[in-house]
PDB file of all heavy atoms in Angstrom:
ATOM      1  N   ALA A   1     125.013 100.946 170.971  1.00  0.00           N
ATOM      2  CA  ALA A   1     125.816 101.165 172.178  1.00  0.00           C
ATOM      3  C   ALA A   1     125.878  99.926 173.055  1.00  0.00           C
ATOM      4  O   ALA A   1     126.772  99.794 173.893  1.00  0.00           O
ATOM      5  CB  ALA A   1     125.259 102.342 172.976  1.00  0.00           C
ATOM      6  N   VAL A   2     124.953  98.985 172.855  1.00  0.00           N
ATOM      7  CA  VAL A   2     124.956  97.765 173.668  1.00  0.00           C
ATOM      8  C   VAL A   2     126.238  96.964 173.469  1.00  0.00           C
ATOM      9  O   VAL A   2     126.693  96.275 174.381  1.00  0.00           O
ATOM     10  CB  VAL A   2     123.710  96.898 173.345  1.00  0.00           C
ATOM     11  CG1 VAL A   2     123.819  96.272 171.957  1.00  0.00           C
ATOM     12  CG2 VAL A   2     123.518  95.798 174.380  1.00  0.00           C
ATOM     13  N   LEU A   3     126.871  97.086 172.298  1.00  0.00           N
ATOM     14  CA  LEU A   3     128.097  96.335 172.044  1.00  0.00           C
ATOM     15  C   LEU A   3     129.237  96.805 172.934  1.00  0.00           C
ATOM     16  O   LEU A   3     130.110  96.020 173.311  1.00  0.00           O
ATOM     17  CB  LEU A   3     128.497  96.436 170.572  1.00  0.00           C
ATOM     18  CG  LEU A   3     127.506  95.837 169.558  1.00  0.00           C
ATOM     19  CD1 LEU A   3     128.058  95.959 168.151  1.00  0.00           C
ATOM     20  CD2 LEU A   3     127.203  94.385 169.893  1.00  0.00           C
ATOM     21  N   ALA A   4     129.236  98.092 173.263  1.00  0.00           N
ATOM     22  CA  ALA A   4     130.279  98.627 174.132  1.00  0.00           C
ATOM     23  C   ALA A   4     130.143  98.111 175.564  1.00  0.00           C
ATOM     24  O   ALA A   4     131.098  98.192 176.353  1.00  0.00           O
ATOM     25  CB  ALA A   4     130.244 100.147 174.123  1.00  0.00           C
ATOM     26  N   GLN A   5     128.973  97.570 175.909  1.00  0.00           N
ATOM     27  CA  GLN A   5     128.737  97.060 177.252  1.00  0.00           C
ATOM     28  C   GLN A   5     129.120  95.592 177.397  1.00  0.00           C
ATOM     29  O   GLN A   5     129.094  95.036 178.493  1.00  0.00           O
ATOM     30  CB  GLN A   5     127.259  97.228 177.611  1.00  0.00           C
ATOM     31  CG  GLN A   5     126.753  98.656 177.523  1.00  0.00           C
ATOM     32  CD  GLN A   5     125.236  98.729 177.574  1.00  0.00           C
ATOM     33  OE1 GLN A   5     124.573  97.818 178.060  1.00  0.00           O
ATOM     34  NE2 GLN A   5     124.678  99.819 177.068  1.00  0.00           N
ATOM     35  N   ALA A   6     129.482  94.955 176.277  1.00  0.00           N
ATOM     36  CA  ALA A   6     129.763  93.529 176.297  1.00  0.00           C
ATOM     37  C   ALA A   6     131.167  93.235 176.819  1.00  0.00           C
ATOM     38  O   ALA A   6     132.102  94.014 176.619  1.00  0.00           O
ATOM     39  CB  ALA A   6     129.604  92.938 174.896  1.00  0.00           C
ATOM     40  N   ASP A   7     131.292  92.112 177.475  1.00  0.00           N
ATOM     41  CA  ASP A   7     132.579  91.642 177.988  1.00  0.00           C
ATOM     42  C   ASP A   7     133.304  90.919 176.859  1.00  0.00           C
ATOM     43  O   ASP A   7     133.050  89.742 176.601  1.00  0.00           O
ATOM     44  CB  ASP A   7     132.330  90.699 179.169  1.00  0.00           C
ATOM     45  CG  ASP A   7     133.606  90.190 179.809  1.00  0.00           C
ATOM     46  OD1 ASP A   7     134.661  90.816 179.587  1.00  0.00           O
ATOM     47  OD2 ASP A   7     133.555  89.164 180.518  1.00  0.00           O
ATOM     48  N   GLN A   8     134.191  91.622 176.166  1.00  0.00           N
ATOM     49  CA  GLN A   8     134.867  91.028 175.021  1.00  0.00           C
ATOM     50  C   GLN A   8     136.282  91.591 174.882  1.00  0.00           C
ATOM     51  O   GLN A   8     136.573  92.700 175.332  1.00  0.00           O
ATOM     52  CB  GLN A   8     134.080  91.270 173.741  1.00  0.00           C
ATOM     53  CG  GLN A   8     133.679  92.705 173.482  1.00  0.00           C
ATOM     54  CD  GLN A   8     132.716  92.847 172.317  1.00  0.00           C
ATOM     55  OE1 GLN A   8     132.768  92.092 171.351  1.00  0.00           O
ATOM     56  NE2 GLN A   8     131.835  93.831 172.394  1.00  0.00           N
ATOM     57  N   ILE A   9     137.150  90.807 174.241  1.00  0.00           N
ATOM     58  CA  ILE A   9     138.553  91.205 174.080  1.00  0.00           C
ATOM     59  C   ILE A   9     138.668  92.473 173.251  1.00  0.00           C
ATOM     60  O   ILE A   9     139.379  93.399 173.596  1.00  0.00           O
ATOM     61  CB  ILE A   9     139.367  90.088 173.381  1.00  0.00           C
ATOM     62  CG1 ILE A   9     139.306  88.784 174.148  1.00  0.00           C
ATOM     63  CG2 ILE A   9     140.816  90.517 173.206  1.00  0.00           C
ATOM     64  CD1 ILE A   9     139.890  87.612 173.387  1.00  0.00           C
ATOM     65  N   GLY A  10     138.034  92.470 172.101  1.00  0.00           N
ATOM     66  CA  GLY A  10     138.078  93.626 171.212  1.00  0.00           C
ATOM     67  C   GLY A  10     139.196  93.597 170.193  1.00  0.00           C
ATOM     68  O   GLY A  10     139.101  94.260 169.163  1.00  0.00           O
ATOM     69  N   GLY A  11     140.250  92.838 170.435  1.00  0.00           N
ATOM     70  CA  GLY A  11     141.341  92.778 169.469  1.00  0.00           C
ATOM     71  C   GLY A  11     142.510  91.980 170.001  1.00  0.00           C
ATOM     72  O   GLY A  11     142.498  91.486 171.139  1.00  0.00           O
ATOM     73  N   PHE A  12     143.544  91.861 169.161  1.00  0.00           N
ATOM     74  CA  PHE A  12     144.703  91.038 169.474  1.00  0.00           C
ATOM     75  C   PHE A  12     145.979  91.790 169.105  1.00  0.00           C
ATOM     76  O   PHE A  12     145.954  92.716 168.295  1.00  0.00           O
ATOM     77  CB  PHE A  12     144.661  89.726 168.687  1.00  0.00           C
ATOM     78  CG  PHE A  12     143.418  88.912 168.917  1.00  0.00           C
ATOM     79  CD1 PHE A  12     142.288  89.104 168.135  1.00  0.00           C
ATOM     80  CD2 PHE A  12     143.365  87.967 169.933  1.00  0.00           C
ATOM     81  CE1 PHE A  12     141.132  88.361 168.342  1.00  0.00           C
ATOM     82  CE2 PHE A  12     142.218  87.223 170.157  1.00  0.00           C
ATOM     83  CZ  PHE A  12     141.094  87.420 169.365  1.00  0.00           C
ATOM     84  N   SER A  13     147.085  91.367 169.673  1.00  0.00           N
ATOM     85  CA  SER A  13     148.393  91.901 169.312  1.00  0.00           C
ATOM     86  C   SER A  13     149.033  91.002 168.258  1.00  0.00           C
ATOM     87  O   SER A  13     148.562  89.873 168.001  1.00  0.00           O
ATOM     88  CB  SER A  13     149.297  91.953 170.543  1.00  0.00           C
ATOM     89  OG  SER A  13     149.575  90.628 171.002  1.00  0.00           O
ATOM     90  N   ASP A  14     150.114  91.482 167.648  1.00  0.00           N
ATOM     91  CA  ASP A  14     150.892  90.634 166.739  1.00  0.00           C
ATOM     92  C   ASP A  14     151.290  89.340 167.437  1.00  0.00           C
ATOM     93  O   ASP A  14     151.181  88.246 166.869  1.00  0.00           O
ATOM     94  CB  ASP A  14     152.167  91.361 166.296  1.00  0.00           C
ATOM     95  CG  ASP A  14     151.931  92.425 165.239  1.00  0.00           C
ATOM     96  OD1 ASP A  14     150.933  92.339 164.501  1.00  0.00           O
ATOM     97  OD2 ASP A  14     152.769  93.337 165.134  1.00  0.00           O
ATOM     98  N   ALA A  15     151.771  89.455 168.669  1.00  0.00           N
ATOM     99  CA  ALA A  15     152.255  88.288 169.399  1.00  0.00           C
ATOM    100  C   ALA A  15     151.133  87.289 169.664  1.00  0.00           C
ATOM    101  O   ALA A  15     151.338  86.068 169.560  1.00  0.00           O
ATOM    102  CB  ALA A  15     152.893  88.723 170.715  1.00  0.00           C
ATOM    103  N   GLN A  16     149.940  87.770 169.989  1.00  0.00           N
ATOM    104  CA  GLN A  16     148.822  86.857 170.257  1.00  0.00           C
ATOM    105  C   GLN A  16     148.381  86.115 169.000  1.00  0.00           C
ATOM    106  O   GLN A  16     148.089  84.919 169.040  1.00  0.00           O
ATOM    107  CB  GLN A  16     147.661  87.636 170.861  1.00  0.00           C
ATOM    108  CG  GLN A  16     147.923  88.089 172.291  1.00  0.00           C
ATOM    109  CD  GLN A  16     146.882  89.055 172.800  1.00  0.00           C
ATOM    110  OE1 GLN A  16     146.295  89.834 172.041  1.00  0.00           O
ATOM    111  NE2 GLN A  16     146.634  89.034 174.100  1.00  0.00           N
ATOM    112  N   LEU A  17     148.345  86.826 167.872  1.00  0.00           N
ATOM    113  CA  LEU A  17     147.935  86.175 166.632  1.00  0.00           C
ATOM    114  C   LEU A  17     148.969  85.157 166.158  1.00  0.00           C
ATOM    115  O   LEU A  17     148.618  84.053 165.734  1.00  0.00           O
ATOM    116  CB  LEU A  17     147.670  87.217 165.547  1.00  0.00           C
ATOM    117  CG  LEU A  17     146.442  88.098 165.766  1.00  0.00           C
ATOM    118  CD1 LEU A  17     146.295  89.111 164.640  1.00  0.00           C
ATOM    119  CD2 LEU A  17     145.171  87.256 165.866  1.00  0.00           C
ATOM    120  N   THR A  18     150.241  85.517 166.217  1.00  0.00           N
ATOM    121  CA  THR A  18     151.260  84.549 165.818  1.00  0.00           C
ATOM    122  C   THR A  18     151.336  83.398 166.815  1.00  0.00           C
ATOM    123  O   THR A  18     151.617  82.258 166.438  1.00  0.00           O
ATOM    124  CB  THR A  18     152.637  85.222 165.664  1.00  0.00           C
ATOM    125  OG1 THR A  18     152.973  85.919 166.869  1.00  0.00           O
ATOM    126  CG2 THR A  18     152.641  86.200 164.502  1.00  0.00           C
ATOM    127  N   GLY A  19     151.030  83.682 168.088  1.00  0.00           N
ATOM    128  CA  GLY A  19     150.979  82.616 169.080  1.00  0.00           C
ATOM    129  C   GLY A  19     149.868  81.624 168.782  1.00  0.00           C
ATOM    130  O   GLY A  19     150.057  80.399 168.918  1.00  0.00           O
ATOM    131  N   LEU A  20     148.710  82.118 168.374  1.00  0.00           N
ATOM    132  CA  LEU A  20     147.609  81.233 168.000  1.00  0.00           C
ATOM    133  C   LEU A  20     147.979  80.405 166.776  1.00  0.00           C
ATOM    134  O   LEU A  20     147.709  79.200 166.715  1.00  0.00           O
ATOM    135  CB  LEU A  20     146.352  82.064 167.719  1.00  0.00           C
ATOM    136  CG  LEU A  20     145.095  81.306 167.292  1.00  0.00           C
ATOM    137  CD1 LEU A  20     144.703  80.249 168.314  1.00  0.00           C
ATOM    138  CD2 LEU A  20     143.938  82.280 167.051  1.00  0.00           C
ATOM    139  N   LEU A  21     148.617  81.039 165.818  1.00  0.00           N
ATOM    140  CA  LEU A  21     149.080  80.348 164.614  1.00  0.00           C
ATOM    141  C   LEU A  21     150.011  79.190 164.984  1.00  0.00           C
ATOM    142  O   LEU A  21     149.844  78.053 164.515  1.00  0.00           O
ATOM    143  CB  LEU A  21     149.798  81.349 163.717  1.00  0.00           C
ATOM    144  CG  LEU A  21     150.215  80.905 162.331  1.00  0.00           C
ATOM    145  CD1 LEU A  21     149.036  80.913 161.387  1.00  0.00           C
ATOM    146  CD2 LEU A  21     151.312  81.828 161.796  1.00  0.00           C
ATOM    147  N   MET A  22     150.995  79.463 165.828  1.00  0.00           N
ATOM    148  CA  MET A  22     151.952  78.435 166.210  1.00  0.00           C
ATOM    149  C   MET A  22     151.319  77.348 167.074  1.00  0.00           C
ATOM    150  O   MET A  22     151.720  76.185 167.025  1.00  0.00           O
ATOM    151  CB  MET A  22     153.141  79.071 166.928  1.00  0.00           C
ATOM    152  CG  MET A  22     153.956  80.031 166.062  1.00  0.00           C
ATOM    153  SD  MET A  22     154.399  79.327 164.438  1.00  0.00           S
ATOM    154  CE  MET A  22     155.428  77.938 164.955  1.00  0.00           C
ATOM    155  N   ALA A  23     150.306  77.715 167.867  1.00  0.00           N
ATOM    156  CA  ALA A  23     149.608  76.718 168.677  1.00  0.00           C
ATOM    157  C   ALA A  23     148.895  75.708 167.778  1.00  0.00           C
ATOM    158  O   ALA A  23     148.895  74.502 168.062  1.00  0.00           O
ATOM    159  CB  ALA A  23     148.617  77.405 169.619  1.00  0.00           C
ATOM    160  N   PHE A  24     148.287  76.190 166.707  1.00  0.00           N
ATOM    161  CA  PHE A  24     147.655  75.271 165.755  1.00  0.00           C
ATOM    162  C   PHE A  24     148.696  74.333 165.140  1.00  0.00           C
ATOM    163  O   PHE A  24     148.471  73.121 165.018  1.00  0.00           O
ATOM    164  CB  PHE A  24     146.953  76.047 164.642  1.00  0.00           C
ATOM    165  CG  PHE A  24     145.552  76.469 164.979  1.00  0.00           C
ATOM    166  CD1 PHE A  24     145.187  77.802 165.001  1.00  0.00           C
ATOM    167  CD2 PHE A  24     144.578  75.519 165.258  1.00  0.00           C
ATOM    168  CE1 PHE A  24     143.886  78.193 165.312  1.00  0.00           C
ATOM    169  CE2 PHE A  24     143.272  75.893 165.564  1.00  0.00           C
ATOM    170  CZ  PHE A  24     142.935  77.234 165.595  1.00  0.00           C
ATOM    171  N   ARG A  25     149.831  74.880 164.762  1.00  0.00           N
ATOM    172  CA  ARG A  25     150.869  74.046 164.152  1.00  0.00           C
ATOM    173  C   ARG A  25     151.401  73.018 165.145  1.00  0.00           C
ATOM    174  O   ARG A  25     151.654  71.864 164.771  1.00  0.00           O
ATOM    175  CB  ARG A  25     151.997  74.938 163.623  1.00  0.00           C
ATOM    176  CG  ARG A  25     151.557  75.794 162.444  1.00  0.00           C
ATOM    177  CD  ARG A  25     152.705  76.598 161.863  1.00  0.00           C
ATOM    178  NE  ARG A  25     152.272  77.360 160.691  1.00  0.00           N
ATOM    179  CZ  ARG A  25     153.075  78.092 159.939  1.00  0.00           C
ATOM    180  NH1 ARG A  25     154.374  78.171 160.237  1.00  0.00           N
ATOM    181  NH2 ARG A  25     152.596  78.748 158.892  1.00  0.00           N
ATOM    182  N   SER A  26     151.542  73.415 166.393  1.00  0.00           N
ATOM    183  CA  SER A  26     152.007  72.482 167.421  1.00  0.00           C
ATOM    184  C   SER A  26     151.004  71.366 167.655  1.00  0.00           C
ATOM    185  O   SER A  26     151.375  70.267 168.101  1.00  0.00           O
ATOM    186  CB  SER A  26     152.265  73.227 168.737  1.00  0.00           C
ATOM    187  OG  SER A  26     153.305  74.165 168.583  1.00  0.00           O
ATOM    188  N   ASP A  27     149.738  71.638 167.363  1.00  0.00           N
ATOM    189  CA  ASP A  27     148.679  70.642 167.559  1.00  0.00           C
ATOM    190  C   ASP A  27     148.475  69.769 166.319  1.00  0.00           C
ATOM    191  O   ASP A  27     147.530  68.979 166.276  1.00  0.00           O
ATOM    192  CB  ASP A  27     147.370  71.352 167.925  1.00  0.00           C
ATOM    193  CG  ASP A  27     146.430  70.461 168.718  1.00  0.00           C
ATOM    194  OD1 ASP A  27     146.901  69.712 169.592  1.00  0.00           O
ATOM    195  OD2 ASP A  27     145.207  70.496 168.463  1.00  0.00           O
ATOM    196  N   GLY A  28     149.331  69.934 165.305  1.00  0.00           N
ATOM    197  CA  GLY A  28     149.274  69.067 164.140  1.00  0.00           C
ATOM    198  C   GLY A  28     148.529  69.616 162.940  1.00  0.00           C
ATOM    199  O   GLY A  28     148.387  68.922 161.932  1.00  0.00           O
ATOM    200  N   PHE A  29     148.068  70.859 163.027  1.00  0.00           N
ATOM    201  CA  PHE A  29     147.398  71.500 161.902  1.00  0.00           C
ATOM    202  C   PHE A  29     148.403  72.323 161.092  1.00  0.00           C
ATOM    203  O   PHE A  29     149.436  72.755 161.623  1.00  0.00           O
ATOM    204  CB  PHE A  29     146.287  72.443 162.380  1.00  0.00           C
ATOM    205  CG  PHE A  29     145.136  71.770 163.071  1.00  0.00           C
ATOM    206  CD1 PHE A  29     145.157  71.600 164.450  1.00  0.00           C
ATOM    207  CD2 PHE A  29     144.042  71.322 162.356  1.00  0.00           C
ATOM    208  CE1 PHE A  29     144.091  70.980 165.107  1.00  0.00           C
ATOM    209  CE2 PHE A  29     142.971  70.701 162.997  1.00  0.00           C
ATOM    210  CZ  PHE A  29     143.000  70.537 164.380  1.00  0.00           C
ATOM    211  N   ASP A  30     148.099  72.566 159.836  1.00  0.00           N
ATOM    212  CA  ASP A  30     148.781  73.614 159.089  1.00  0.00           C
ATOM    213  C   ASP A  30     148.000  74.908 159.333  1.00  0.00           C
ATOM    214  O   ASP A  30     146.769  74.891 159.373  1.00  0.00           O
ATOM    215  CB  ASP A  30     148.806  73.296 157.589  1.00  0.00           C
ATOM    216  CG  ASP A  30     149.730  72.143 157.252  1.00  0.00           C
ATOM    217  OD1 ASP A  30     150.761  72.004 157.942  1.00  0.00           O
ATOM    218  OD2 ASP A  30     149.430  71.383 156.308  1.00  0.00           O
ATOM    219  N   ALA A  31     148.715  75.998 159.490  1.00  0.00           N
ATOM    220  CA  ALA A  31     148.033  77.266 159.771  1.00  0.00           C
ATOM    221  C   ALA A  31     148.800  78.413 159.140  1.00  0.00           C
ATOM    222  O   ALA A  31     150.040  78.404 159.102  1.00  0.00           O
ATOM    223  CB  ALA A  31     147.911  77.477 161.285  1.00  0.00           C
ATOM    224  N   PHE A  32     148.054  79.411 158.659  1.00  0.00           N
ATOM    225  CA  PHE A  32     148.637  80.514 157.903  1.00  0.00           C
ATOM    226  C   PHE A  32     147.932  81.819 158.285  1.00  0.00           C
ATOM    227  O   PHE A  32     146.713  81.848 158.426  1.00  0.00           O
ATOM    228  CB  PHE A  32     148.490  80.282 156.393  1.00  0.00           C
ATOM    229  CG  PHE A  32     148.916  78.905 155.958  1.00  0.00           C
ATOM    230  CD1 PHE A  32     148.008  77.863 155.925  1.00  0.00           C
ATOM    231  CD2 PHE A  32     150.237  78.655 155.609  1.00  0.00           C
ATOM    232  CE1 PHE A  32     148.393  76.587 155.536  1.00  0.00           C
ATOM    233  CE2 PHE A  32     150.639  77.388 155.211  1.00  0.00           C
ATOM    234  CZ  PHE A  32     149.719  76.344 155.180  1.00  0.00           C
ATOM    235  N   LEU A  33     148.709  82.888 158.400  1.00  0.00           N
ATOM    236  CA  LEU A  33     148.160  84.223 158.634  1.00  0.00           C
ATOM    237  C   LEU A  33     147.982  84.897 157.278  1.00  0.00           C
ATOM    238  O   LEU A  33     148.930  84.994 156.502  1.00  0.00           O
ATOM    239  CB  LEU A  33     149.112  85.029 159.514  1.00  0.00           C
ATOM    240  CG  LEU A  33     148.573  86.311 160.154  1.00  0.00           C
ATOM    241  CD1 LEU A  33     147.407  86.009 161.088  1.00  0.00           C
ATOM    242  CD2 LEU A  33     149.688  87.024 160.911  1.00  0.00           C
ATOM    243  N   LEU A  34     146.757  85.339 156.990  1.00  0.00           N
ATOM    244  CA  LEU A  34     146.426  85.883 155.674  1.00  0.00           C
ATOM    245  C   LEU A  34     145.964  87.333 155.776  1.00  0.00           C
ATOM    246  O   LEU A  34     145.248  87.696 156.711  1.00  0.00           O
ATOM    247  CB  LEU A  34     145.308  85.056 155.015  1.00  0.00           C
ATOM    248  CG  LEU A  34     145.549  83.561 154.855  1.00  0.00           C
ATOM    249  CD1 LEU A  34     144.322  82.914 154.225  1.00  0.00           C
ATOM    250  CD2 LEU A  34     146.785  83.287 154.022  1.00  0.00           C
ATOM    251  N   PRO A  35     146.335  88.158 154.792  1.00  0.00           N
ATOM    252  CA  PRO A  35     145.830  89.535 154.778  1.00  0.00           C
ATOM    253  C   PRO A  35     144.398  89.582 154.263  1.00  0.00           C
ATOM    254  O   PRO A  35     143.936  88.649 153.597  1.00  0.00           O
ATOM    255  CB  PRO A  35     146.779  90.243 153.811  1.00  0.00           C
ATOM    256  CG  PRO A  35     147.174  89.158 152.848  1.00  0.00           C
ATOM    257  CD  PRO A  35     147.264  87.901 153.669  1.00  0.00           C
ATOM    258  N   GLN A  36     143.712  90.652 154.570  1.00  0.00           N
ATOM    259  CA  GLN A  36     142.399  90.907 154.004  1.00  0.00           C
ATOM    260  C   GLN A  36     142.535  91.887 152.842  1.00  0.00           C
ATOM    261  O   GLN A  36     143.499  92.660 152.761  1.00  0.00           O
ATOM    262  CB  GLN A  36     141.462  91.513 155.049  1.00  0.00           C
ATOM    263  CG  GLN A  36     140.976  90.552 156.091  1.00  0.00           C
ATOM    264  CD  GLN A  36     139.778  91.101 156.862  1.00  0.00           C
ATOM    265  OE1 GLN A  36     139.424  92.274 156.750  1.00  0.00           O
ATOM    266  NE2 GLN A  36     139.153  90.256 157.649  1.00  0.00           N
ATOM    267  N   ASP A  37     141.543  91.853 151.964  1.00  0.00           N
ATOM    268  CA  ASP A  37     141.419  92.880 150.937  1.00  0.00           C
ATOM    269  C   ASP A  37     141.279  94.225 151.656  1.00  0.00           C
ATOM    270  O   ASP A  37     140.407  94.383 152.518  1.00  0.00           O
ATOM    271  CB  ASP A  37     140.177  92.586 150.088  1.00  0.00           C
ATOM    272  CG  ASP A  37     139.970  93.572 148.947  1.00  0.00           C
ATOM    273  OD1 ASP A  37     140.408  94.732 149.062  1.00  0.00           O
ATOM    274  OD2 ASP A  37     139.347  93.187 147.950  1.00  0.00           O
ATOM    275  N   PRO A  38     142.114  95.208 151.354  1.00  0.00           N
ATOM    276  CA  PRO A  38     142.017  96.492 152.061  1.00  0.00           C
ATOM    277  C   PRO A  38     140.697  97.220 151.869  1.00  0.00           C
ATOM    278  O   PRO A  38     140.378  98.147 152.629  1.00  0.00           O
ATOM    279  CB  PRO A  38     143.190  97.300 151.492  1.00  0.00           C
ATOM    280  CG  PRO A  38     143.534  96.642 150.203  1.00  0.00           C
ATOM    281  CD  PRO A  38     143.221  95.186 150.381  1.00  0.00           C
ATOM    282  N   ASP A  39     139.905  96.828 150.869  1.00  0.00           N
ATOM    283  CA  ASP A  39     138.625  97.483 150.649  1.00  0.00           C
ATOM    284  C   ASP A  39     137.501  96.898 151.497  1.00  0.00           C
ATOM    285  O   ASP A  39     136.367  97.393 151.448  1.00  0.00           O
ATOM    286  CB  ASP A  39     138.236  97.403 149.166  1.00  0.00           C
ATOM    287  CG  ASP A  39     139.130  98.257 148.290  1.00  0.00           C
ATOM    288  OD1 ASP A  39     139.626  99.288 148.784  1.00  0.00           O
ATOM    289  OD2 ASP A  39     139.331  97.904 147.116  1.00  0.00           O
TER     290      ASP A  39
END
């Protein structure tokens, strides 16, 4: 239960994740959004 007391985001939206992806590209990196194994 201590984790529920922590000051943390907890998750992201589609827009936030794609925004982070594009920020990396704007900074000169290659960046890709990848799926996880569903298992």
